[in-house]
Amino acid sequence: MTVLLHDLLRDAAKRAPQSIAIQDKVSSLTYQALDNRVTQASNTLTANGVKRGARIGVLLSKSSQAYIGLYAVLRAGCAYVPLDKRAPVDRLSFFIRDCSIDTLVITSDLYTKAVELQKKAPELNRLLIIDDTQKEVMAGLETLDTDDIGAQTETPIQPFQIIDTDLAYILYTSGSTGQPKGVMINHHTSMSFVRWSAEEAGLTDSDRVSGHAPLHFDLSIFDIYATALAGATLFPVSDGASTFPARLINWMTGNKISVWYSVPSILSMMAQQKNFSGQTFPDLRLLIFAGEVFPVPYLKIWRKQIPDKTMMNWFGPTETNVITSYTVPENIDSLEKPIPIGKTTTNADLIRINEDGDIVENAEDPGEIIARGACVALGYWGDEVKTAQKFFYNGYSPWLKDHMYRTGDIVTIDENGDYIFLGRNDHLIKSRGFRIELGEVEAAFYRQENIKESVVIPIDDDLIGKKLYAFVVIDVPSDKSSDEERGDKKEIYAIQKAISELLPYYMIPGEIRLLDELPKTSNGKIDRLKLASNLENNA
C-alpha cells in the first residue's frame, strides 16, 4: 500500500502514463510527464545540497507547473511550507525565519517578491525557479532554473529512506498572540485523509476536479493528492479568479468540472450572478464545501439549481483536516438553520467535553470536540507551549497513549446522530473560509505607534461568513480635538495602509472606526458584546 504522498503520483504514472494529470488554461501535463519533471526537480534540490528533513518554502502562482514544486520537495525527503503570494513580505519573512528556510521554490512571476523576502530573511539563500522564464541572478542568492532541472536524470536520487512519519508540510494558521502557528502534518496523517476523501467522494480516473483552494489552504490537499490517488485530472483555478464569480461559473461549465470543492462564500457569490440561474451544470456530480457555515439562503439556491447532484458539507480544523461529513438532503425547502456538520470520518474518533474537562454524555448538551486518531497533526512547529495547550495524550483511555487535539468547536448531537455546530469557545473565527485569530489582527493594529487601544469584532455576513470591524482609539495630537481626529479619513486610510502591509487581505477588517474610548465591562475588560450588539442593531 502506498504510504507517501509523492508516491501517489508515481503510481498514477505507472497505471496511466498518458492520462492528463493537470490541465490549466494554457497547457497540460500527463502523469508521466509530471512524474518525470518532479523527479528532475527533486534531484536538482538534492544535488545542490538540500538536506533530508529541510523545510522548503514554496511561493507559487497556480498553474500546471506549480505542482511540480510541491511534489519535488516531498520526493527530496523534505517538507514544504506554502507561502501566500498575496501576503505582506513581513509576514512571509516571519515564516521563513521561523522554519529556518534556506531554499524557496518559485514560479518566475514571483521572482521579485522572492528577492524582497531574501532582504528581510537572510536565511534564504537559494531559489529554484520551476517554469521557463529566465531571471537575473541576485548577488548572494543562488538561483537554479529550468536548465538546471533539465540537466538532471529522470531516475530518482534518493540516498535515504522516506517513511510516513516524516514531515510532509507545514500550514500556517492565525495565532491568538499575534504570531501565526505552523501546523505540522506528516505523510501518515495526510494520507489518512486523502484515502478517506477519495473514497467518500467516489473519485475515479474520469473525474475532472477543480483546484479552487489556495496552495497554503488545507482544502488544497484534497485537490492535489486525492485527485492523484484516483488518477483523475486536476484543473487549477487561477489565482484571483474568485474576484469574478460570474467568470468562475463559465470556467466551471466550460471545463466540464465533475467534482468541485471550495468554501461556501465563493458559492454564495456565484449564486448571486446573473449567469447562474440559467446553468444546470450537467457535468457536475459532486459539490463539496468546507471551511465555514454555508448561509441557508444560498445553500437553498444551489440545492434547487442542482437537485440531482450530491452535495457534501465537510468539517474540521487545519490540525485535523476533515473530521466530519454530511450529505445534504435533496429537499431542504423547510430548512431554517445551518445544516449539521455530520458524522465522524473513518480517520477520526471524536469525544465531547465540558468546561471542566469531563466527557459530555447527553447528546443535547453542548461539548467541545476532542479529536483523536490518524487525523491529528503533530503539533505546532517550534512552539512547545502552544502545542501543549492544544495537543495532549489521551487521558480518557490512558493505556492508549494516543495523540488528541482540542478543537475549540462546540457541538451537540441531533436525533440522527449528526453533530450540530454551535460555535467557537475562543476568539477564532472563519471568514472566506480562512481561519482567523482575532488576537493576531488586533496585534497588528497595536504595532502602530499612534494606536492606544484596538479591538476587532466579527459580525455574521451571508457572503463571506464573518465581516470584521475594527474599533481603535488613537493618540490625539495636541493641536487637534478628538472630534476632528475621529472624522479624519486620512487617519483611517493611513491605518488601513499600515495594516495591509502586515496582514493578508482576508484578515484586514472591512471597516475601521475611531472612538474616544472603548467600552469596558465591570472587570475592566473591553466590552466586545456591547460593540457587537451596536453593530448588529445598526446593520
Protein backbone atom coordinates (compact mmCIF):
# COMPACT_ATOMS: atom_id res chain seq x y z
CA MET A 1 0.00 0.00 0.00
CA THR A 2 1.23 3.48 -0.87
CA VAL A 3 2.09 5.42 2.28
CA LEU A 4 3.84 8.54 0.91
CA LEU A 5 2.08 11.45 -0.78
CA HIS A 6 4.53 11.80 -3.66
CA ASP A 7 4.27 8.08 -4.44
CA LEU A 8 0.63 8.65 -5.42
CA LEU A 9 1.99 10.44 -8.48
CA ARG A 10 4.39 7.60 -9.27
CA ASP A 11 1.56 5.05 -9.01
CA ALA A 12 -0.71 7.06 -11.31
CA ALA A 13 2.09 7.42 -13.86
CA LYS A 14 2.56 3.64 -13.88
CA ARG A 15 -1.17 2.93 -14.28
CA ALA A 16 -1.98 5.51 -16.94
CA PRO A 17 1.13 7.41 -18.09
CA GLN A 18 -0.64 9.35 -20.85
CA SER A 19 -3.66 10.43 -18.82
CA ILE A 20 -3.81 14.15 -18.12
CA ALA A 21 -2.79 14.90 -14.55
CA ILE A 22 -3.13 18.69 -14.58
CA GLN A 23 -4.79 20.99 -17.09
CA ASP A 24 -4.54 24.76 -16.80
CA LYS A 25 -5.72 27.45 -19.20
CA VAL A 26 -2.61 27.27 -21.39
CA SER A 27 -1.08 23.81 -21.01
CA SER A 28 -1.42 20.33 -19.59
CA LEU A 29 0.85 17.66 -18.13
CA THR A 30 0.37 13.92 -18.41
CA TYR A 31 1.03 11.83 -15.33
CA GLN A 32 4.22 10.51 -16.89
CA ALA A 33 5.49 13.96 -17.87
CA LEU A 34 4.65 15.32 -14.43
CA ASP A 35 6.35 12.41 -12.68
CA ASN A 36 9.49 12.79 -14.79
CA ARG A 37 9.72 16.52 -14.22
CA VAL A 38 9.13 16.11 -10.48
CA THR A 39 11.99 13.62 -10.31
CA GLN A 40 14.32 16.01 -12.13
CA ALA A 41 13.34 18.92 -9.88
CA SER A 42 13.74 16.74 -6.80
CA ASN A 43 17.18 15.62 -7.98
CA THR A 44 18.08 19.28 -8.54
CA LEU A 45 17.35 20.03 -4.89
CA THR A 46 19.28 17.01 -3.65
CA ALA A 47 22.27 17.63 -5.93
CA ASN A 48 22.53 21.22 -4.71
CA GLY A 49 22.80 20.46 -1.04
CA VAL A 50 19.21 20.38 0.22
CA LYS A 51 19.22 18.06 3.21
CA ARG A 52 16.72 15.47 4.36
CA GLY A 53 14.00 16.96 6.54
CA ALA A 54 14.64 20.54 5.41
CA ARG A 55 11.70 22.92 5.34
CA ILE A 56 11.42 24.37 1.86
CA GLY A 57 9.25 27.36 1.08
CA VAL A 58 7.02 27.25 -1.99
CA LEU A 59 5.88 30.58 -3.46
CA LEU A 60 3.85 29.65 -6.48
CA SER A 61 1.21 31.02 -8.82
CA LYS A 62 -1.22 28.22 -9.59
CA SER A 63 -0.53 26.56 -12.92
CA SER A 64 0.35 23.10 -14.17
CA GLN A 65 3.99 23.89 -13.37
CA ALA A 66 3.35 24.87 -9.76
CA TYR A 67 2.58 21.33 -8.63
CA ILE A 68 6.00 20.17 -9.79
CA GLY A 69 7.42 22.16 -6.91
CA LEU A 70 5.21 20.60 -4.24
CA TYR A 71 5.86 17.03 -5.32
CA ALA A 72 9.59 17.69 -5.80
CA VAL A 73 10.02 18.89 -2.23
CA LEU A 74 8.32 15.75 -0.90
CA ARG A 75 10.31 13.43 -3.16
CA ALA A 76 13.52 15.03 -1.90
CA GLY A 77 12.59 13.94 1.63
CA CYS A 78 11.72 17.47 2.75
CA ALA A 79 8.63 19.32 3.98
CA TYR A 80 7.09 22.15 2.01
CA VAL A 81 5.85 25.39 3.56
CA PRO A 82 3.35 27.06 1.19
CA LEU A 83 3.52 30.85 1.19
CA ASP A 84 0.60 33.05 0.19
CA LYS A 85 1.85 35.25 -2.63
CA ARG A 86 -0.68 37.95 -1.67
CA ALA A 87 0.56 38.20 1.92
CA PRO A 88 2.85 41.04 3.02
CA VAL A 89 6.60 40.45 2.83
CA ASP A 90 6.96 40.95 6.59
CA ARG A 91 4.54 38.12 7.28
CA LEU A 92 6.18 35.74 4.81
CA SER A 93 9.66 36.54 6.07
CA PHE A 94 8.48 35.53 9.56
CA PHE A 95 7.58 32.09 8.21
CA ILE A 96 10.99 31.79 6.57
CA ARG A 97 12.82 32.69 9.76
CA ASP A 98 10.53 30.57 11.91
CA CYS A 99 11.12 27.43 9.84
CA SER A 100 14.78 28.17 9.04
CA ILE A 101 14.00 28.05 5.32
CA ASP A 102 17.10 28.44 3.13
CA THR A 103 15.52 27.28 -0.15
CA LEU A 104 12.49 28.70 -1.92
CA VAL A 105 10.74 27.06 -4.89
CA ILE A 106 9.02 29.69 -7.02
CA THR A 107 7.31 30.38 -10.29
CA SER A 108 9.16 33.04 -12.25
CA ASP A 109 6.47 35.71 -11.91
CA LEU A 110 7.24 35.85 -8.17
CA TYR A 111 10.99 36.33 -8.51
CA THR A 112 10.84 39.98 -7.43
CA LYS A 113 8.90 39.08 -4.29
CA ALA A 114 11.40 36.33 -3.54
CA VAL A 115 14.23 38.85 -3.72
CA GLU A 116 12.32 41.14 -1.33
CA LEU A 117 11.91 38.21 1.05
CA GLN A 118 15.63 37.48 1.00
CA LYS A 119 16.35 41.04 2.12
CA LYS A 120 14.06 40.54 5.12
CA ALA A 121 15.16 36.96 5.84
CA PRO A 122 18.88 36.45 5.08
CA GLU A 123 18.48 32.74 5.92
CA LEU A 124 17.08 32.39 2.42
CA ASN A 125 19.99 31.78 0.04
CA ARG A 126 18.69 29.54 -2.74
CA LEU A 127 15.90 29.76 -5.33
CA LEU A 128 14.57 27.07 -7.62
CA ILE A 129 12.54 28.54 -10.50
CA ILE A 130 10.39 25.76 -11.89
CA ASP A 131 8.98 27.35 -15.05
CA ASP A 132 10.61 28.64 -18.19
CA THR A 133 11.19 32.36 -17.78
CA GLN A 134 14.79 33.28 -17.01
CA LYS A 135 15.63 35.89 -14.40
CA GLU A 136 18.69 37.88 -13.46
CA VAL A 137 20.57 36.39 -10.55
CA MET A 138 20.81 38.44 -7.38
CA ALA A 139 24.22 38.56 -5.73
CA GLY A 140 24.34 36.22 -2.73
CA LEU A 141 21.27 34.29 -3.84
CA GLU A 142 21.93 31.00 -5.62
CA THR A 143 19.42 30.61 -8.44
CA LEU A 144 18.54 27.32 -10.08
CA ASP A 145 16.24 27.28 -13.10
CA THR A 146 14.78 25.04 -15.78
CA ASP A 147 18.20 24.47 -17.33
CA ASP A 148 19.43 23.00 -14.05
CA ILE A 149 16.28 20.89 -13.76
CA GLY A 150 16.55 19.65 -17.35
CA ALA A 151 20.16 18.58 -16.80
CA GLN A 152 19.13 16.09 -14.13
CA THR A 153 18.35 12.43 -14.69
CA GLU A 154 14.76 11.14 -14.59
CA THR A 155 15.90 8.40 -12.20
CA PRO A 156 15.35 9.39 -8.56
CA ILE A 157 18.42 10.26 -6.50
CA GLN A 158 17.32 9.15 -3.05
CA PRO A 159 20.22 8.26 -0.73
CA PHE A 160 17.90 7.66 2.23
CA GLN A 161 14.57 6.08 3.10
CA ILE A 162 11.49 8.28 3.46
CA ILE A 163 8.82 6.96 5.84
CA ASP A 164 5.27 8.03 6.55
CA THR A 165 6.07 9.59 9.91
CA ASP A 166 8.35 12.10 8.17
CA LEU A 167 7.08 15.67 8.00
CA ALA A 168 5.27 16.42 4.72
CA TYR A 169 4.20 20.06 5.03
CA ILE A 170 3.63 22.92 7.46
CA LEU A 171 0.50 25.04 7.09
CA TYR A 172 0.48 28.35 8.94
CA THR A 173 -2.73 29.43 10.63
CA SER A 174 -3.66 32.55 12.53
CA GLY A 175 -2.36 32.77 16.11
CA SER A 176 -4.06 34.30 19.16
CA THR A 177 -0.88 36.01 20.42
CA GLY A 178 -0.23 37.81 17.16
CA GLN A 179 2.17 35.14 15.91
CA PRO A 180 0.94 32.64 13.29
CA LYS A 181 1.20 28.95 14.14
CA GLY A 182 2.76 26.38 11.83
CA VAL A 183 0.72 23.17 11.86
CA MET A 184 2.97 20.15 11.23
CA ILE A 185 1.47 17.35 9.11
CA ASN A 186 3.31 14.14 8.29
CA HIS A 187 2.69 11.75 5.39
CA HIS A 188 0.75 9.29 7.57
CA THR A 189 -1.77 11.86 8.77
CA SER A 190 -2.25 13.39 5.34
CA MET A 191 -2.56 10.03 3.59
CA SER A 192 -5.23 9.00 6.08
CA PHE A 193 -7.33 11.96 4.96
CA VAL A 194 -6.50 11.51 1.27
CA ARG A 195 -7.61 7.87 1.23
CA TRP A 196 -10.82 8.65 3.11
CA SER A 197 -11.69 11.69 0.98
CA ALA A 198 -11.08 9.93 -2.34
CA GLU A 199 -13.38 7.10 -1.25
CA GLU A 200 -16.01 9.43 0.24
CA ALA A 201 -16.06 11.49 -2.96
CA GLY A 202 -16.10 8.36 -5.13
CA LEU A 203 -13.27 9.72 -7.26
CA THR A 204 -12.38 7.86 -10.46
CA ASP A 205 -9.92 8.42 -13.26
CA SER A 206 -12.68 10.03 -15.34
CA ASP A 207 -13.29 12.85 -12.86
CA ARG A 208 -12.37 16.44 -13.60
CA VAL A 209 -11.60 18.06 -10.26
CA SER A 210 -11.44 21.78 -9.53
CA GLY A 211 -8.37 23.12 -7.76
CA HIS A 212 -10.00 26.17 -6.21
CA ALA A 213 -8.26 26.40 -2.84
CA PRO A 214 -5.01 28.39 -2.49
CA LEU A 215 -2.00 26.13 -2.01
CA HIS A 216 -1.48 27.43 1.55
CA PHE A 217 -5.04 26.37 2.48
CA ASP A 218 -5.71 22.83 3.75
CA LEU A 219 -8.55 22.34 1.26
CA SER A 220 -5.86 22.05 -1.42
CA ILE A 221 -4.73 18.68 0.00
CA PHE A 222 -7.84 17.01 -1.44
CA ASP A 223 -7.41 18.76 -4.78
CA ILE A 224 -3.80 17.65 -5.24
CA TYR A 225 -3.44 14.23 -3.67
CA ALA A 226 -6.92 12.68 -3.74
CA THR A 227 -7.02 13.52 -7.45
CA ALA A 228 -3.68 11.77 -7.97
CA LEU A 229 -4.82 8.75 -5.96
CA ALA A 230 -7.76 8.34 -8.34
CA GLY A 231 -5.76 9.18 -11.46
CA ALA A 232 -8.24 11.99 -12.20
CA THR A 233 -7.48 15.36 -13.83
CA LEU A 234 -6.91 18.47 -11.75
CA PHE A 235 -8.00 21.85 -13.12
CA PRO A 236 -6.30 24.61 -11.10
CA VAL A 237 -8.46 27.69 -10.64
CA SER A 238 -6.30 30.72 -11.44
CA ASP A 239 -5.28 32.93 -8.53
CA GLY A 240 -7.75 35.76 -8.10
CA ALA A 241 -10.50 34.06 -10.12
CA SER A 242 -12.88 34.32 -7.17
CA THR A 243 -12.90 38.08 -7.70
CA PHE A 244 -15.05 37.40 -10.77
CA PRO A 245 -17.62 34.78 -9.71
CA ALA A 246 -19.55 35.12 -12.97
CA ARG A 247 -16.46 34.08 -14.91
CA LEU A 248 -15.92 31.26 -12.44
CA ILE A 249 -19.31 29.84 -13.35
CA ASN A 250 -18.33 29.85 -17.03
CA TRP A 251 -14.97 28.31 -16.17
CA MET A 252 -16.69 25.55 -14.21
CA THR A 253 -19.05 24.63 -17.03
CA GLY A 254 -16.52 25.20 -19.81
CA ASN A 255 -14.05 22.77 -18.25
CA LYS A 256 -16.81 20.24 -17.52
CA ILE A 257 -15.87 20.06 -13.85
CA SER A 258 -17.36 16.96 -12.21
CA VAL A 259 -16.10 17.49 -8.64
CA TRP A 260 -15.99 20.92 -7.01
CA TYR A 261 -14.53 21.70 -3.55
CA SER A 262 -14.45 25.19 -2.06
CA VAL A 263 -15.52 27.39 0.81
CA PRO A 264 -19.23 28.37 0.89
CA SER A 265 -18.53 32.10 0.50
CA ILE A 266 -17.47 31.72 -3.14
CA LEU A 267 -20.51 29.53 -3.82
CA SER A 268 -22.72 32.21 -2.28
CA MET A 269 -21.23 34.85 -4.56
CA MET A 270 -21.66 32.60 -7.59
CA ALA A 271 -25.33 32.10 -6.70
CA GLN A 272 -25.91 35.85 -6.98
CA GLN A 273 -24.61 36.17 -10.54
CA LYS A 274 -26.94 36.73 -13.50
CA ASN A 275 -25.48 33.80 -15.42
CA PHE A 276 -26.08 31.38 -12.53
CA SER A 277 -29.83 30.93 -12.88
CA GLY A 278 -29.57 29.53 -16.38
CA GLN A 279 -26.91 26.95 -15.54
CA THR A 280 -27.70 23.28 -14.96
CA PHE A 281 -24.06 22.19 -14.50
CA PRO A 282 -24.62 18.99 -16.50
CA ASP A 283 -21.13 17.58 -15.88
CA LEU A 284 -21.09 18.23 -12.13
CA ARG A 285 -21.78 15.18 -9.98
CA LEU A 286 -20.42 16.27 -6.59
CA LEU A 287 -20.22 19.66 -4.88
CA ILE A 288 -18.24 19.74 -1.61
CA PHE A 289 -17.95 22.74 0.68
CA ALA A 290 -15.99 23.28 3.88
CA GLY A 291 -14.26 25.91 5.95
CA GLU A 292 -17.25 27.88 7.22
CA VAL A 293 -21.02 27.75 7.67
CA PHE A 294 -22.95 27.82 4.39
CA PRO A 295 -25.67 30.53 4.68
CA VAL A 296 -29.04 28.82 4.36
CA PRO A 297 -30.49 31.12 1.65
CA TYR A 298 -27.61 30.44 -0.74
CA LEU A 299 -27.46 26.75 0.12
CA LYS A 300 -31.13 26.51 -0.88
CA ILE A 301 -30.42 28.29 -4.16
CA TRP A 302 -27.69 25.79 -5.02
CA ARG A 303 -29.83 22.83 -3.95
CA LYS A 304 -32.67 23.96 -6.24
CA GLN A 305 -30.22 24.58 -9.07
CA ILE A 306 -28.63 21.11 -8.85
CA PRO A 307 -31.40 18.93 -7.30
CA ASP A 308 -29.96 15.70 -8.66
CA LYS A 309 -26.33 16.32 -7.64
CA THR A 310 -24.63 15.19 -4.45
CA MET A 311 -23.69 17.98 -2.02
CA MET A 312 -21.44 17.38 0.99
CA ASN A 313 -20.52 19.51 3.98
CA TRP A 314 -17.04 18.67 5.30
CA PHE A 315 -15.83 19.98 8.64
CA GLY A 316 -12.57 20.16 10.57
CA PRO A 317 -9.72 22.49 11.56
CA THR A 318 -6.30 22.52 9.89
CA GLU A 319 -4.93 20.49 12.82
CA THR A 320 -7.15 17.55 11.81
CA ASN A 321 -8.26 18.36 8.27
CA VAL A 322 -11.76 16.87 7.79
CA ILE A 323 -13.25 15.01 10.78
CA THR A 324 -16.97 15.01 9.95
CA SER A 325 -19.02 14.77 6.76
CA TYR A 326 -22.67 15.43 5.99
CA THR A 327 -24.58 14.79 2.77
CA VAL A 328 -27.18 17.48 2.06
CA PRO A 329 -30.71 16.06 1.56
CA GLU A 330 -32.43 16.54 -1.78
CA ASN A 331 -35.26 18.57 -0.23
CA ILE A 332 -34.25 21.38 2.10
CA ASP A 333 -37.15 23.75 1.33
CA SER A 334 -38.14 23.91 5.01
CA LEU A 335 -34.57 24.42 6.25
CA GLU A 336 -34.26 27.45 8.54
CA LYS A 337 -30.94 26.95 10.30
CA PRO A 338 -27.49 25.78 9.14
CA ILE A 339 -27.21 22.13 8.24
CA PRO A 340 -25.37 19.67 10.52
CA ILE A 341 -21.66 19.03 10.13
CA GLY A 342 -22.45 15.31 10.07
CA LYS A 343 -20.84 12.16 11.41
CA THR A 344 -17.20 11.32 12.02
CA THR A 345 -14.92 10.25 9.21
CA THR A 346 -13.17 6.89 9.23
CA ASN A 347 -9.88 8.54 10.18
CA ALA A 348 -11.15 10.23 13.35
CA ASP A 349 -12.69 9.47 16.72
CA LEU A 350 -14.38 12.37 18.46
CA ILE A 351 -15.41 12.89 22.06
CA ARG A 352 -17.07 15.92 23.66
CA ILE A 353 -16.02 17.52 26.92
CA ASN A 354 -17.43 20.29 29.09
CA GLU A 355 -15.59 23.24 30.64
CA ASP A 356 -14.34 21.01 33.47
CA GLY A 357 -12.84 18.52 31.03
CA ASP A 358 -15.42 15.83 31.74
CA ILE A 359 -16.93 13.80 28.90
CA VAL A 360 -20.40 15.01 27.85
CA GLU A 361 -22.76 12.03 27.68
CA ASN A 362 -26.09 13.64 26.76
CA ALA A 363 -26.46 14.31 23.06
CA GLU A 364 -28.37 17.56 23.56
CA ASP A 365 -25.75 19.07 25.90
CA PRO A 366 -23.06 21.25 24.28
CA GLY A 367 -19.50 19.99 24.37
CA GLU A 368 -16.13 20.82 22.86
CA ILE A 369 -14.87 18.38 20.24
CA ILE A 370 -11.69 16.49 21.11
CA ALA A 371 -10.26 14.58 18.13
CA ARG A 372 -8.09 11.50 18.25
CA GLY A 373 -6.68 9.17 15.65
CA ALA A 374 -4.61 9.35 12.48
CA CYS A 375 -6.25 12.69 11.66
CA VAL A 376 -4.37 14.60 14.38
CA ALA A 377 -1.38 16.75 13.40
CA LEU A 378 2.00 16.55 15.13
CA GLY A 379 1.71 19.97 16.76
CA TYR A 380 2.94 23.49 16.09
CA TRP A 381 6.37 23.97 14.58
CA GLY A 382 8.92 25.16 17.13
CA ASP A 383 6.35 26.05 19.79
CA GLU A 384 6.07 23.53 22.61
CA VAL A 385 3.95 25.87 24.74
CA LYS A 386 1.18 26.31 22.15
CA THR A 387 1.40 22.63 21.26
CA ALA A 388 0.88 21.63 24.88
CA GLN A 389 -2.17 23.89 25.09
CA LYS A 390 -3.97 22.07 22.29
CA PHE A 391 -2.33 18.66 21.82
CA PHE A 392 -2.12 16.07 24.58
CA TYR A 393 -2.04 12.35 25.27
CA ASN A 394 -5.31 10.57 25.81
CA GLY A 395 -6.23 10.84 29.48
CA TYR A 396 -9.67 9.31 28.93
CA SER A 397 -8.18 5.97 27.87
CA PRO A 398 -4.67 6.38 29.31
CA TRP A 399 -3.48 2.94 28.27
CA LEU A 400 -3.71 4.02 24.62
CA LYS A 401 -1.25 6.92 24.95
CA ASP A 402 -2.57 8.29 21.66
CA HIS A 403 -2.45 11.89 20.47
CA MET A 404 -5.50 14.13 20.90
CA TYR A 405 -6.40 17.66 19.82
CA ARG A 406 -8.74 20.21 21.43
CA THR A 407 -10.58 21.79 18.52
CA GLY A 408 -12.36 24.59 20.41
CA ASP A 409 -15.50 23.75 18.39
CA ILE A 410 -18.71 23.43 20.43
CA VAL A 411 -21.35 20.95 19.23
CA THR A 412 -24.42 19.00 20.19
CA ILE A 413 -25.71 15.79 18.57
CA ASP A 414 -29.15 15.59 16.93
CA GLU A 415 -31.61 12.71 16.79
CA ASN A 416 -29.93 11.33 13.66
CA GLY A 417 -26.54 11.16 15.33
CA ASP A 418 -25.19 14.15 13.38
CA TYR A 419 -23.05 16.79 15.04
CA ILE A 420 -24.57 20.29 15.16
CA PHE A 421 -22.00 23.09 15.18
CA LEU A 422 -22.81 25.82 17.70
CA GLY A 423 -19.70 27.98 17.55
CA ARG A 424 -16.23 28.51 18.98
CA ASN A 425 -15.03 28.71 22.57
CA ASP A 426 -12.41 31.34 21.80
CA HIS A 427 -11.86 34.32 19.54
CA LEU A 428 -11.10 32.24 16.46
CA ILE A 429 -13.43 32.77 13.53
CA LYS A 430 -13.60 31.97 9.83
CA SER A 431 -14.03 34.43 7.00
CA ARG A 432 -14.00 33.48 3.33
CA GLY A 433 -13.06 30.02 4.56
CA PHE A 434 -9.84 31.23 6.19
CA ARG A 435 -9.27 30.71 9.88
CA ILE A 436 -8.51 33.96 11.70
CA GLU A 437 -7.46 34.60 15.28
CA LEU A 438 -8.86 37.99 16.20
CA GLY A 439 -5.90 38.47 18.54
CA GLU A 440 -3.50 38.37 15.61
CA VAL A 441 -5.44 41.07 13.78
CA GLU A 442 -5.58 43.20 16.92
CA ALA A 443 -1.85 42.73 17.45
CA ALA A 444 -1.22 44.20 14.00
CA PHE A 445 -3.15 47.34 14.98
CA TYR A 446 -1.13 47.67 18.16
CA ARG A 447 2.05 47.74 16.10
CA GLN A 448 1.04 51.26 15.00
CA GLU A 449 2.58 53.82 17.35
CA ASN A 450 -0.45 56.13 17.48
CA ILE A 451 -2.98 53.42 18.40
CA LYS A 452 -3.78 53.23 22.11
CA GLU A 453 -6.48 50.56 22.05
CA SER A 454 -7.86 48.22 19.44
CA VAL A 455 -10.49 45.53 19.23
CA VAL A 456 -11.79 43.54 16.27
CA ILE A 457 -15.41 42.38 16.21
CA PRO A 458 -16.75 39.69 13.82
CA ILE A 459 -20.32 40.01 12.56
CA ASP A 460 -22.19 37.35 10.58
CA ASP A 461 -22.18 38.00 6.84
CA ASP A 462 -24.10 35.88 4.33
CA LEU A 463 -21.40 36.14 1.69
CA ILE A 464 -18.09 35.69 3.48
CA GLY A 465 -19.13 34.10 6.77
CA LYS A 466 -17.82 36.83 9.07
CA LYS A 467 -17.12 40.51 8.40
CA LEU A 468 -14.51 42.16 10.59
CA TYR A 469 -14.96 45.59 12.16
CA ALA A 470 -12.08 47.29 13.95
CA PHE A 471 -12.57 49.84 16.71
CA VAL A 472 -9.48 51.82 17.62
CA VAL A 473 -8.53 54.62 19.99
CA ILE A 474 -5.65 56.78 18.85
CA ASP A 475 -3.42 59.34 20.45
CA VAL A 476 -4.86 62.73 19.51
CA PRO A 477 -2.23 65.35 18.64
CA SER A 478 -2.32 68.35 20.96
CA ASP A 479 -3.27 70.67 18.11
CA LYS A 480 -6.41 68.65 17.21
CA SER A 481 -9.62 67.92 19.01
CA SER A 482 -10.85 64.35 19.27
CA ASP A 483 -13.83 65.18 17.04
CA GLU A 484 -11.53 66.45 14.31
CA GLU A 485 -9.37 63.36 14.61
CA ARG A 486 -12.31 60.98 14.63
CA GLY A 487 -13.57 62.40 11.36
CA ASP A 488 -10.20 62.38 9.68
CA LYS A 489 -10.49 59.95 6.77
CA LYS A 490 -6.79 60.34 6.13
CA GLU A 491 -6.07 58.82 9.54
CA ILE A 492 -8.23 55.80 8.80
CA TYR A 493 -6.61 55.43 5.39
CA ALA A 494 -3.16 55.53 6.99
CA ILE A 495 -4.15 52.79 9.44
CA GLN A 496 -5.59 50.65 6.63
CA LYS A 497 -2.44 51.05 4.60
CA ALA A 498 -0.23 50.09 7.53
CA ILE A 499 -2.36 47.04 8.34
CA SER A 500 -2.31 45.86 4.70
CA GLU A 501 1.48 45.65 4.95
CA LEU A 502 1.22 43.30 7.93
CA LEU A 503 -1.75 41.07 7.20
CA PRO A 504 -3.13 39.11 4.23
CA TYR A 505 -6.23 40.53 2.60
CA TYR A 506 -8.69 38.17 4.27
CA MET A 507 -7.60 39.30 7.75
CA ILE A 508 -7.98 43.03 7.09
CA PRO A 509 -11.16 44.46 8.68
CA GLY A 510 -13.70 45.70 6.17
CA GLU A 511 -14.33 48.80 8.27
CA ILE A 512 -12.29 50.78 10.81
CA ARG A 513 -14.00 53.10 13.30
CA LEU A 514 -12.24 55.61 15.53
CA LEU A 515 -13.54 56.09 19.08
CA ASP A 516 -12.57 58.29 22.03
CA GLU A 517 -12.52 55.19 24.21
CA LEU A 518 -13.57 51.55 24.06
CA PRO A 519 -16.46 50.42 26.28
CA LYS A 520 -15.41 48.30 29.26
CA THR A 521 -17.10 45.63 31.36
CA SER A 522 -17.23 45.84 35.15
CA ASN A 523 -13.96 43.96 35.46
CA GLY A 524 -12.15 46.36 33.13
CA LYS A 525 -12.13 44.21 30.02
CA ILE A 526 -13.16 45.55 26.61
CA ASP A 527 -16.90 45.02 26.24
CA ARG A 528 -16.93 43.09 22.98
CA LEU A 529 -20.57 42.10 23.39
CA LYS A 530 -21.66 45.73 23.56
CA LEU A 531 -19.74 46.64 20.42
CA ALA A 532 -21.11 43.62 18.58
CA SER A 533 -24.65 44.42 19.72
CA ASN A 534 -24.33 48.00 18.49
CA LEU A 535 -23.11 46.80 15.12
CA GLU A 536 -25.94 44.28 14.73
CA ASN A 537 -28.58 46.79 15.82
CA ASN A 538 -27.34 49.34 13.30
CA ALA A 539 -26.93 46.84 10.46
